[in-house]
C-alpha atoms as a PDB file:
ATOM      1  CA  UNK A   1       1.472 -10.187  15.467  1.00  0.00           C
ATOM      2  CA  UNK A   2      -0.871 -13.107  14.812  1.00  0.00           C
ATOM      3  CA  UNK A   3      -1.077 -16.134  17.016  1.00  0.00           C
ATOM      4  CA  UNK A   4       0.586 -19.436  16.023  1.00  0.00           C
ATOM      5  CA  UNK A   5      -2.825 -20.829  14.993  1.00  0.00           C
ATOM      6  CA  UNK A   6      -3.376 -17.958  12.574  1.00  0.00           C
ATOM      7  CA  UNK A   7       0.142 -18.233  11.223  1.00  0.00           C
ATOM      8  CA  UNK A   8      -0.264 -21.975  10.564  1.00  0.00           C
ATOM      9  CA  UNK A   9      -3.515 -21.348   8.656  1.00  0.00           C
ATOM     10  CA  UNK A  10      -1.796 -18.651   6.510  1.00  0.00           C
ATOM     11  CA  UNK A  11       1.223 -20.837   5.821  1.00  0.00           C
ATOM     12  CA  UNK A  12      -0.918 -23.865   4.926  1.00  0.00           C
ATOM     13  CA  UNK A  13      -2.985 -21.765   2.506  1.00  0.00           C
ATOM     14  CA  UNK A  14       0.258 -20.405   0.927  1.00  0.00           C
ATOM     15  CA  UNK A  15       1.633 -23.911   0.451  1.00  0.00           C
ATOM     16  CA  UNK A  16      -1.597 -25.203  -1.132  1.00  0.00           C
ATOM     17  CA  UNK A  17      -2.280 -22.181  -3.359  1.00  0.00           C
ATOM     18  CA  UNK A  18       1.252 -21.043  -4.133  1.00  0.00           C
ATOM     19  CA  UNK A  19       2.547 -17.471  -4.357  1.00  0.00           C
ATOM     20  CA  UNK A  20       5.226 -15.497  -2.543  1.00  0.00           C
ATOM     21  CA  UNK A  21       5.635 -15.609   1.261  1.00  0.00           C
ATOM     22  CA  UNK A  22       7.634 -12.754   2.798  1.00  0.00           C
ATOM     23  CA  UNK A  23       8.913 -13.611   6.241  1.00  0.00           C
ATOM     24  CA  UNK A  24      11.649 -12.186   8.536  1.00  0.00           C
ATOM     25  CA  UNK A  25      14.629 -14.119   9.702  1.00  0.00           C
ATOM     26  CA  UNK A  26      13.637 -14.016  13.399  1.00  0.00           C
ATOM     27  CA  UNK A  27      10.056 -15.102  12.782  1.00  0.00           C
ATOM     28  CA  UNK A  28      11.322 -17.887  10.528  1.00  0.00           C
ATOM     29  CA  UNK A  29      13.669 -19.085  13.227  1.00  0.00           C
ATOM     30  CA  UNK A  30      11.000 -18.965  15.924  1.00  0.00           C
ATOM     31  CA  UNK A  31       8.470 -20.931  13.784  1.00  0.00           C
ATOM     32  CA  UNK A  32      11.014 -23.559  12.742  1.00  0.00           C
ATOM     33  CA  UNK A  33      12.254 -24.090  16.241  1.00  0.00           C
ATOM     34  CA  UNK A  34       8.670 -24.117  17.636  1.00  0.00           C
ATOM     35  CA  UNK A  35       9.156 -21.264  20.132  1.00  0.00           C
ATOM     36  CA  UNK A  36       6.026 -20.556  22.152  1.00  0.00           C
ATOM     37  CA  UNK A  37       4.330 -23.382  20.272  1.00  0.00           C
ATOM     38  CA  UNK A  38       3.156 -26.342  22.390  1.00  0.00           C
ATOM     39  CA  UNK A  39       0.893 -28.094  19.865  1.00  0.00           C
ATOM     40  CA  UNK A  40       2.607 -30.928  17.969  1.00  0.00           C
ATOM     41  CA  UNK A  41       0.220 -30.410  15.123  1.00  0.00           C
ATOM     42  CA  UNK A  42       1.261 -26.797  14.671  1.00  0.00           C
ATOM     43  CA  UNK A  43       4.945 -27.738  14.821  1.00  0.00           C
ATOM     44  CA  UNK A  44       4.277 -30.328  12.027  1.00  0.00           C
ATOM     45  CA  UNK A  45       2.556 -27.643   9.889  1.00  0.00           C
ATOM     46  CA  UNK A  46       5.480 -25.206  10.388  1.00  0.00           C
ATOM     47  CA  UNK A  47       8.008 -27.927   9.518  1.00  0.00           C
ATOM     48  CA  UNK A  48       6.142 -29.021   6.396  1.00  0.00           C
ATOM     49  CA  UNK A  49       5.536 -25.504   5.023  1.00  0.00           C
ATOM     50  CA  UNK A  50       8.934 -23.950   5.937  1.00  0.00           C
ATOM     51  CA  UNK A  51      11.458 -26.789   5.997  1.00  0.00           C
ATOM     52  CA  UNK A  52      10.532 -30.122   4.463  1.00  0.00           C
ATOM     53  CA  UNK A  53       9.520 -29.820   1.664  1.00  0.00           C
ATOM     54  CA  UNK A  54       9.261 -26.112   2.349  1.00  0.00           C
ATOM     55  CA  UNK A  55       9.391 -23.482  -0.404  1.00  0.00           C
ATOM     56  CA  UNK A  56      10.364 -24.225  -3.937  1.00  0.00           C
ATOM     57  CA  UNK A  57      12.660 -21.186  -4.192  1.00  0.00           C
ATOM     58  CA  UNK A  58      14.337 -19.143  -1.463  1.00  0.00           C
ATOM     59  CA  UNK A  59      15.586 -15.541  -1.761  1.00  0.00           C
ATOM     60  CA  UNK A  60      17.412 -14.097   1.284  1.00  0.00           C
ATOM     61  CA  UNK A  61      17.589 -10.361   1.403  1.00  0.00           C
ATOM     62  CA  UNK A  62      20.228  -8.788   3.658  1.00  0.00           C
ATOM     63  CA  UNK A  63      22.097 -12.052   3.314  1.00  0.00           C
ATOM     64  CA  UNK A  64      24.963 -10.955   5.465  1.00  0.00           C
ATOM     65  CA  UNK A  65      22.840 -11.973   8.426  1.00  0.00           C
ATOM     66  CA  UNK A  66      23.837 -15.532   7.503  1.00  0.00           C
ATOM     67  CA  UNK A  67      27.553 -14.807   7.799  1.00  0.00           C
ATOM     68  CA  UNK A  68      27.902 -16.775  10.999  1.00  0.00           C
ATOM     69  CA  UNK A  69      27.116 -20.440  10.611  1.00  0.00           C
ATOM     70  CA  UNK A  70      27.013 -20.887  14.436  1.00  0.00           C
ATOM     71  CA  UNK A  71      24.109 -18.459  14.832  1.00  0.00           C
ATOM     72  CA  UNK A  72      20.571 -19.719  15.476  1.00  0.00           C
ATOM     73  CA  UNK A  73      19.274 -18.001  12.358  1.00  0.00           C
ATOM     74  CA  UNK A  74      21.885 -19.676  10.107  1.00  0.00           C
ATOM     75  CA  UNK A  75      21.171 -23.085  11.613  1.00  0.00           C
ATOM     76  CA  UNK A  76      17.421 -22.616  11.037  1.00  0.00           C
ATOM     77  CA  UNK A  77      17.898 -21.430   7.463  1.00  0.00           C
ATOM     78  CA  UNK A  78      20.189 -24.326   6.604  1.00  0.00           C
ATOM     79  CA  UNK A  79      17.396 -26.731   7.461  1.00  0.00           C
ATOM     80  CA  UNK A  80      15.459 -25.701   4.310  1.00  0.00           C
ATOM     81  CA  UNK A  81      15.337 -28.653   1.984  1.00  0.00           C
ATOM     82  CA  UNK A  82      15.156 -26.568  -1.206  1.00  0.00           C
ATOM     83  CA  UNK A  83      18.595 -26.036  -2.799  1.00  0.00           C
ATOM     84  CA  UNK A  84      17.408 -23.274  -5.119  1.00  0.00           C
ATOM     85  CA  UNK A  85      18.670 -20.332  -3.093  1.00  0.00           C
ATOM     86  CA  UNK A  86      19.759 -16.741  -3.720  1.00  0.00           C
ATOM     87  CA  UNK A  87      21.396 -14.337  -1.316  1.00  0.00           C
ATOM     88  CA  UNK A  88      21.228 -10.590  -1.812  1.00  0.00           C
ATOM     89  CA  UNK A  89      23.526  -8.302   0.149  1.00  0.00           C
ATOM     90  CA  UNK A  90      24.737  -4.765  -0.162  1.00  0.00           C
ATOM     91  CA  UNK A  91      27.063  -4.832   2.841  1.00  0.00           C
ATOM     92  CA  UNK A  92      30.815  -5.135   2.243  1.00  0.00           C
ATOM     93  CA  UNK A  93      32.246  -8.261   3.681  1.00  0.00           C
ATOM     94  CA  UNK A  94      35.332  -6.554   5.080  1.00  0.00           C
ATOM     95  CA  UNK A  95      37.576  -9.196   3.500  1.00  0.00           C
ATOM     96  CA  UNK A  96      36.452 -11.711   6.101  1.00  0.00           C
ATOM     97  CA  UNK A  97      36.796 -15.013   4.177  1.00  0.00           C
ATOM     98  CA  UNK A  98      35.211 -17.076   6.933  1.00  0.00           C
ATOM     99  CA  UNK A  99      31.995 -15.091   6.628  1.00  0.00           C
ATOM    100  CA  UNK A 100      32.252 -15.346   2.864  1.00  0.00           C
ATOM    101  CA  UNK A 101      32.598 -19.135   3.040  1.00  0.00           C
ATOM    102  CA  UNK A 102      29.433 -19.323   5.240  1.00  0.00           C
ATOM    103  CA  UNK A 103      27.300 -17.322   2.775  1.00  0.00           C
ATOM    104  CA  UNK A 104      28.561 -19.212  -0.288  1.00  0.00           C
ATOM    105  CA  UNK A 105      28.097 -22.527   1.514  1.00  0.00           C
ATOM    106  CA  UNK A 106      24.452 -21.710   2.096  1.00  0.00           C
ATOM    107  CA  UNK A 107      23.864 -21.183  -1.633  1.00  0.00           C
ATOM    108  CA  UNK A 108      26.143 -23.877  -3.004  1.00  0.00           C
ATOM    109  CA  UNK A 109      27.020 -26.421  -0.376  1.00  0.00           C
ATOM    110  CA  UNK A 110      30.548 -27.849  -0.455  1.00  0.00           C
ATOM    111  CA  UNK A 111      31.652 -25.663  -3.363  1.00  0.00           C
ATOM    112  CA  UNK A 112      34.487 -24.334  -1.230  1.00  0.00           C
ATOM    113  CA  UNK A 113      34.822 -27.487   0.882  1.00  0.00           C
ATOM    114  CA  UNK A 114      34.812 -27.635   4.627  1.00  0.00           C
ATOM    115  CA  UNK A 115      35.866 -24.628   6.654  1.00  0.00           C
ATOM    116  CA  UNK A 116      39.093 -26.451   7.629  1.00  0.00           C
ATOM    117  CA  UNK A 117      39.974 -27.116   3.998  1.00  0.00           C
ATOM    118  CA  UNK A 118      39.014 -23.611   2.976  1.00  0.00           C
ATOM    119  CA  UNK A 119      41.165 -22.150   5.749  1.00  0.00           C
ATOM    120  CA  UNK A 120      44.216 -24.168   4.674  1.00  0.00           C
ATOM    121  CA  UNK A 121      43.698 -23.607   0.948  1.00  0.00           C
ATOM    122  CA  UNK A 122      42.712 -19.982   0.843  1.00  0.00           C
ATOM    123  CA  UNK A 123      42.465 -18.084   4.134  1.00  0.00           C
ATOM    124  CA  UNK A 124      45.994 -18.730   5.417  1.00  0.00           C
ATOM    125  CA  UNK A 125      47.880 -18.174   2.108  1.00  0.00           C
ATOM    126  CA  UNK A 126      45.892 -15.010   1.385  1.00  0.00           C
ATOM    127  CA  UNK A 127      46.388 -13.572   4.895  1.00  0.00           C
ATOM    128  CA  UNK A 128      50.094 -14.442   4.842  1.00  0.00           C
ATOM    129  CA  UNK A 129      50.505 -12.204   1.787  1.00  0.00           C
ATOM    130  CA  UNK A 130      48.659  -9.229   3.333  1.00  0.00           C
ATOM    131  CA  UNK A 131      51.097  -8.545   6.210  1.00  0.00           C
ATOM    132  CA  UNK A 132      53.440  -5.582   6.198  1.00  0.00           C
ATOM    133  CA  UNK A 133      56.467  -7.895   6.438  1.00  0.00           C
ATOM    134  CA  UNK A 134      55.197 -10.395   3.856  1.00  0.00           C
ATOM    135  CA  UNK A 135      57.880 -11.693   1.484  1.00  0.00           C
ATOM    136  CA  UNK A 136      57.691 -11.452  -2.244  1.00  0.00           C
ATOM    137  CA  UNK A 137      56.890 -15.195  -2.331  1.00  0.00           C
ATOM    138  CA  UNK A 138      54.045 -14.759   0.112  1.00  0.00           C
ATOM    139  CA  UNK A 139      52.537 -11.990  -2.017  1.00  0.00           C
ATOM    140  CA  UNK A 140      52.774 -14.086  -5.176  1.00  0.00           C
ATOM    141  CA  UNK A 141      51.131 -16.988  -3.456  1.00  0.00           C
ATOM    142  CA  UNK A 142      48.388 -14.711  -2.136  1.00  0.00           C
ATOM    143  CA  UNK A 143      47.637 -13.359  -5.603  1.00  0.00           C
ATOM    144  CA  UNK A 144      47.570 -16.847  -7.068  1.00  0.00           C
ATOM    145  CA  UNK A 145      45.069 -18.177  -4.506  1.00  0.00           C
ATOM    146  CA  UNK A 146      43.014 -15.031  -4.698  1.00  0.00           C
ATOM    147  CA  UNK A 147      42.711 -15.501  -8.478  1.00  0.00           C
ATOM    148  CA  UNK A 148      41.745 -19.164  -8.024  1.00  0.00           C
ATOM    149  CA  UNK A 149      39.072 -18.289  -5.517  1.00  0.00           C
ATOM    150  CA  UNK A 150      37.713 -15.565  -7.871  1.00  0.00           C
ATOM    151  CA  UNK A 151      37.481 -18.016 -10.745  1.00  0.00           C
ATOM    152  CA  UNK A 152      35.761 -20.619  -8.563  1.00  0.00           C
ATOM    153  CA  UNK A 153      33.052 -18.175  -7.587  1.00  0.00           C
ATOM    154  CA  UNK A 154      32.654 -16.617 -11.081  1.00  0.00           C
ATOM    155  CA  UNK A 155      29.522 -18.679 -11.778  1.00  0.00           C
ATOM    156  CA  UNK A 156      28.117 -18.245  -8.291  1.00  0.00           C
ATOM    157  CA  UNK A 157      28.706 -14.649  -7.260  1.00  0.00           C
ATOM    158  CA  UNK A 158      27.602 -11.581  -9.240  1.00  0.00           C
ATOM    159  CA  UNK A 159      28.873  -8.176  -8.146  1.00  0.00           C
ATOM    160  CA  UNK A 160      26.975  -5.086  -9.252  1.00  0.00           C
ATOM    161  CA  UNK A 161      27.216  -1.388  -8.293  1.00  0.00           C
ATOM    162  CA  UNK A 162      24.761   1.461  -8.452  1.00  0.00           C
ATOM    163  CA  UNK A 163      25.450   2.125 -12.128  1.00  0.00           C
ATOM    164  CA  UNK A 164      23.488  -1.004 -13.038  1.00  0.00           C
ATOM    165  CA  UNK A 165      20.192   0.597 -11.897  1.00  0.00           C
ATOM    166  CA  UNK A 166      21.080   4.254 -12.280  1.00  0.00           C
ATOM    167  CA  UNK A 167      19.185   4.721 -15.602  1.00  0.00           C
ATOM    168  CA  UNK A 168      16.085   3.022 -14.265  1.00  0.00           C
ATOM    169  CA  UNK A 169      15.803   4.812 -10.859  1.00  0.00           C
ATOM    170  CA  UNK A 170      14.060   8.166 -10.517  1.00  0.00           C
ATOM    171  CA  UNK A 171      15.878  11.022  -8.760  1.00  0.00           C
ATOM    172  CA  UNK A 172      16.109  10.534  -5.023  1.00  0.00           C
ATOM    173  CA  UNK A 173      14.206  13.022  -2.828  1.00  0.00           C
ATOM    174  CA  UNK A 174      14.458  13.250   0.959  1.00  0.00           C
ATOM    175  CA  UNK A 175      12.044  15.180   3.127  1.00  0.00           C
ATOM    176  CA  UNK A 176      12.464  16.156   6.800  1.00  0.00           C
ATOM    177  CA  UNK A 177       9.178  16.845   8.574  1.00  0.00           C
ATOM    178  CA  UNK A 178       8.967  18.312  12.086  1.00  0.00           C
ATOM    179  CA  UNK A 179       5.854  17.077  13.863  1.00  0.00           C
ATOM    180  CA  UNK A 180       4.813  18.222  17.351  1.00  0.00           C
ATOM    181  CA  UNK A 181       3.739  15.642  19.900  1.00  0.00           C
ATOM    182  CA  UNK A 182       0.057  15.506  20.937  1.00  0.00           C
ATOM    183  CA  UNK A 183      -1.074  16.262  24.440  1.00  0.00           C
ATOM    184  CA  UNK A 184      -1.241  12.655  25.529  1.00  0.00           C
ATOM    185  CA  UNK A 185       2.262  12.112  24.249  1.00  0.00           C
ATOM    186  CA  UNK A 186       3.523  15.098  26.250  1.00  0.00           C
ATOM    187  CA  UNK A 187       1.821  13.781  29.416  1.00  0.00           C
ATOM    188  CA  UNK A 188       3.259  10.279  29.023  1.00  0.00           C
ATOM    189  CA  UNK A 189       6.692  11.694  28.204  1.00  0.00           C
ATOM    190  CA  UNK A 190       6.753  13.971  31.179  1.00  0.00           C
ATOM    191  CA  UNK A 191       5.394  11.318  33.522  1.00  0.00           C
ATOM    192  CA  UNK A 192       8.103   8.929  32.503  1.00  0.00           C
ATOM    193  CA  UNK A 193      10.838  11.549  32.986  1.00  0.00           C
ATOM    194  CA  UNK A 194       9.482  12.467  36.466  1.00  0.00           C
ATOM    195  CA  UNK A 195       8.815   8.990  37.814  1.00  0.00           C
ATOM    196  CA  UNK A 196      10.473   6.184  35.795  1.00  0.00           C
ATOM    197  CA  UNK A 197      13.880   7.332  34.632  1.00  0.00           C
ATOM    198  CA  UNK A 198      17.152   7.240  36.594  1.00  0.00           C
ATOM    199  CA  UNK A 199      16.867  11.007  37.206  1.00  0.00           C
ATOM    200  CA  UNK A 200      13.259  10.869  38.537  1.00  0.00           C
ATOM    201  CA  UNK A 201      12.955  11.853  42.170  1.00  0.00           C
ATOM    202  CA  UNK A 202      10.097   9.488  42.884  1.00  0.00           C
ATOM    203  CA  UNK A 203      11.413   6.428  41.071  1.00  0.00           C
ATOM    204  CA  UNK A 204      10.167   3.355  42.980  1.00  0.00           C
ATOM    205  CA  UNK A 205      12.925   0.952  43.827  1.00  0.00           C
ATOM    206  CA  UNK A 206      15.470   3.250  42.218  1.00  0.00           C
ATOM    207  CA  UNK A 207      17.742   2.566  39.257  1.00  0.00           C
ATOM    208  CA  UNK A 208      20.917   3.783  40.786  1.00  0.00           C
ATOM    209  CA  UNK A 209      22.841   6.688  39.292  1.00  0.00           C
ATOM    210  CA  UNK A 210      21.424   8.876  36.540  1.00  0.00           C
ATOM    211  CA  UNK A 211      22.055   7.482  33.031  1.00  0.00           C
ATOM    212  CA  UNK A 212      22.456   3.854  34.107  1.00  0.00           C
ATOM    213  CA  UNK A 213      19.424   2.874  32.017  1.00  0.00           C
ATOM    214  CA  UNK A 214      19.954   5.425  29.265  1.00  0.00           C
ATOM    215  CA  UNK A 215      19.328   3.066  26.296  1.00  0.00           C
ATOM    216  CA  UNK A 216      16.281   1.440  27.926  1.00  0.00           C
ATOM    217  CA  UNK A 217      14.828   4.881  28.673  1.00  0.00           C
ATOM    218  CA  UNK A 218      15.460   5.950  25.090  1.00  0.00           C
ATOM    219  CA  UNK A 219      13.654   2.873  23.679  1.00  0.00           C
ATOM    220  CA  UNK A 220      10.529   3.530  25.813  1.00  0.00           C
ATOM    221  CA  UNK A 221      10.518   7.284  25.130  1.00  0.00           C
ATOM    222  CA  UNK A 222      10.900   6.592  21.403  1.00  0.00           C
ATOM    223  CA  UNK A 223       7.691   4.558  21.470  1.00  0.00           C
ATOM    224  CA  UNK A 224       5.922   7.461  23.169  1.00  0.00           C
ATOM    225  CA  UNK A 225       7.005  10.093  20.645  1.00  0.00           C
ATOM    226  CA  UNK A 226       6.299   7.744  17.689  1.00  0.00           C
ATOM    227  CA  UNK A 227       2.793   6.944  18.858  1.00  0.00           C
ATOM    228  CA  UNK A 228       1.321   5.934  22.267  1.00  0.00           C
ATOM    229  CA  UNK A 229      -0.037   2.758  20.741  1.00  0.00           C
ATOM    230  CA  UNK A 230       3.563   1.541  20.179  1.00  0.00           C
ATOM    231  CA  UNK A 231       3.954   1.570  23.965  1.00  0.00           C
ATOM    232  CA  UNK A 232       0.610  -0.171  24.392  1.00  0.00           C
ATOM    233  CA  UNK A 233       1.372  -2.865  21.830  1.00  0.00           C
ATOM    234  CA  UNK A 234       4.823  -3.545  23.373  1.00  0.00           C
ATOM    235  CA  UNK A 235       3.150  -4.043  26.767  1.00  0.00           C
ATOM    236  CA  UNK A 236       0.413  -6.321  25.382  1.00  0.00           C
ATOM    237  CA  UNK A 237       2.901  -8.256  23.223  1.00  0.00           C
ATOM    238  CA  UNK A 238       5.115  -9.067  26.201  1.00  0.00           C
ATOM    239  CA  UNK A 239       2.019 -10.154  28.201  1.00  0.00           C
ATOM    240  CA  UNK A 240       0.988 -12.557  25.466  1.00  0.00           C
ATOM    241  CA  UNK A 241       4.459 -13.836  24.598  1.00  0.00           C
ATOM    242  CA  UNK A 242       4.839 -12.231  21.212  1.00  0.00           C
ATOM    243  CA  UNK A 243       1.311 -11.726  19.900  1.00  0.00           C
ATOM    244  CA  UNK A 244      -1.823  -9.832  20.852  1.00  0.00           C
ATOM    245  CA  UNK A 245      -5.542  -9.931  20.120  1.00  0.00           C
ATOM    246  CA  UNK A 246      -7.300  -7.036  18.446  1.00  0.00           C
ATOM    247  CA  UNK A 247      -9.975  -6.862  21.108  1.00  0.00           C
ATOM    248  CA  UNK A 248      -7.315  -5.818  23.642  1.00  0.00           C
ATOM    249  CA  UNK A 249      -6.451  -2.658  21.689  1.00  0.00           C
ATOM    250  CA  UNK A 250      -8.796  -0.617  23.946  1.00  0.00           C
ATOM    251  CA  UNK A 251      -6.655  -1.390  26.988  1.00  0.00           C
ATOM    252  CA  UNK A 252      -3.813   0.796  28.063  1.00  0.00           C
ATOM    253  CA  UNK A 253      -1.032   0.583  30.613  1.00  0.00           C
ATOM    254  CA  UNK A 254      -2.600   0.522  34.084  1.00  0.00           C
ATOM    255  CA  UNK A 255      -1.596   3.185  36.569  1.00  0.00           C
ATOM    256  CA  UNK A 256      -2.238   3.740  40.285  1.00  0.00           C
ATOM    257  CA  UNK A 257      -2.568   7.557  39.656  1.00  0.00           C
ATOM    258  CA  UNK A 258      -5.713   8.949  38.164  1.00  0.00           C
ATOM    259  CA  UNK A 259      -3.677  11.707  36.579  1.00  0.00           C
ATOM    260  CA  UNK A 260      -1.653   9.209  34.591  1.00  0.00           C
ATOM    261  CA  UNK A 261      -4.453   6.807  33.732  1.00  0.00           C
ATOM    262  CA  UNK A 262      -4.625   7.838  30.124  1.00  0.00           C
ATOM    263  CA  UNK A 263      -6.759   6.580  27.243  1.00  0.00           C
ATOM    264  CA  UNK A 264      -6.659   7.343  23.563  1.00  0.00           C
ATOM    265  CA  UNK A 265      -9.461   9.349  21.979  1.00  0.00           C
ATOM    266  CA  UNK A 266     -10.061  11.223  18.750  1.00  0.00           C
ATOM    267  CA  UNK A 267      -9.305  14.479  20.501  1.00  0.00           C
ATOM    268  CA  UNK A 268      -5.701  13.383  21.057  1.00  0.00           C
ATOM    269  CA  UNK A 269      -4.938  13.127  17.379  1.00  0.00           C
ATOM    270  CA  UNK A 270      -3.292  16.189  15.868  1.00  0.00           C
ATOM    271  CA  UNK A 271      -5.251  18.383  13.526  1.00  0.00           C
ATOM    272  CA  UNK A 272      -4.143  18.815   9.963  1.00  0.00           C
ATOM    273  CA  UNK A 273      -1.375  21.375   9.893  1.00  0.00           C
ATOM    274  CA  UNK A 274       0.946  22.737   7.324  1.00  0.00           C
ATOM    275  CA  UNK A 275       4.404  21.336   7.982  1.00  0.00           C
ATOM    276  CA  UNK A 276       7.541  23.035   6.938  1.00  0.00           C
ATOM    277  CA  UNK A 277      10.126  20.604   5.589  1.00  0.00           C
ATOM    278  CA  UNK A 278      13.609  20.655   4.136  1.00  0.00           C
ATOM    279  CA  UNK A 279      13.987  19.096   0.796  1.00  0.00           C
ATOM    280  CA  UNK A 280      17.203  17.438  -0.190  1.00  0.00           C
ATOM    281  CA  UNK A 281      18.060  15.697  -3.437  1.00  0.00           C
ATOM    282  CA  UNK A 282      20.892  13.361  -4.220  1.00  0.00           C
ATOM    283  CA  UNK A 283      21.948  11.409  -7.238  1.00  0.00           C
ATOM    284  CA  UNK A 284      22.300   8.030  -5.594  1.00  0.00           C
ATOM    285  CA  UNK A 285      24.642   6.964  -2.886  1.00  0.00           C
ATOM    286  CA  UNK A 286      23.732   3.326  -3.280  1.00  0.00           C
ATOM    287  CA  UNK A 287      26.035   0.644  -1.911  1.00  0.00           C
ATOM    288  CA  UNK A 288      27.613  -1.998  -4.054  1.00  0.00           C
ATOM    289  CA  UNK A 289      25.560  -5.163  -4.002  1.00  0.00           C
ATOM    290  CA  UNK A 290      26.418  -8.789  -4.290  1.00  0.00           C
ATOM    291  CA  UNK A 291      24.147 -11.528  -5.530  1.00  0.00           C
ATOM    292  CA  UNK A 292      25.178 -14.987  -4.443  1.00  0.00           C
END
């Protein structure tokens, strides 16, 4: 991850030259809120490039992340001055109208009114007609308000299923490859099991009963079996509050034991081998998608 200075230079160049900037929700939130940024000049650059005036056009993939207007990500995204916005989501909304209101309100502000008005006009009547003991009148009122809401969103929400792209997509192929860990991965893995997990007999300070840190152990072990550098980068990133410098790539996690003071070399990389894999084909399995 680049430093705030490098990020500001990249964003300034993008704003001046134009083009497409791809950025994650968490990074956008951190830059807009100025996290780990002390320079007022950098904060001004981030605000100018990302918020006001910001981008000319905003496309939010996985838009269901914005379903909670009280979340920090939603608050940061709503600061964008540009009103030309699109939300893409393939996740069903589970008939949660409050979340639906939040997403629609991001794209077309005040189309559905305030959350209080929306609750009284649509949520309560629709929910009253969905109960097991709802009367005939309640059901009729529910259908009426449901149709009104559908018509209101007809020009704003487009629902598509996998058949829309079926003729354009090639057949889907999935491959499962079994890859053995290298020697350094095995050493790191075994050392962690022997000394740093809840079951280790020489665990310094102790973690209590076995399994109390199961998910934390799993996260660290997953970095080891993916690639030792993942463990190294995580360590360096935490030391530098979210970013690292390339000249620190030669460092590795320090250890008091010579046996566990490991470094990466070309000998630790696996030789080219023939992998046996299972091949599976499927015709699709895509989720329904909504464009707001």
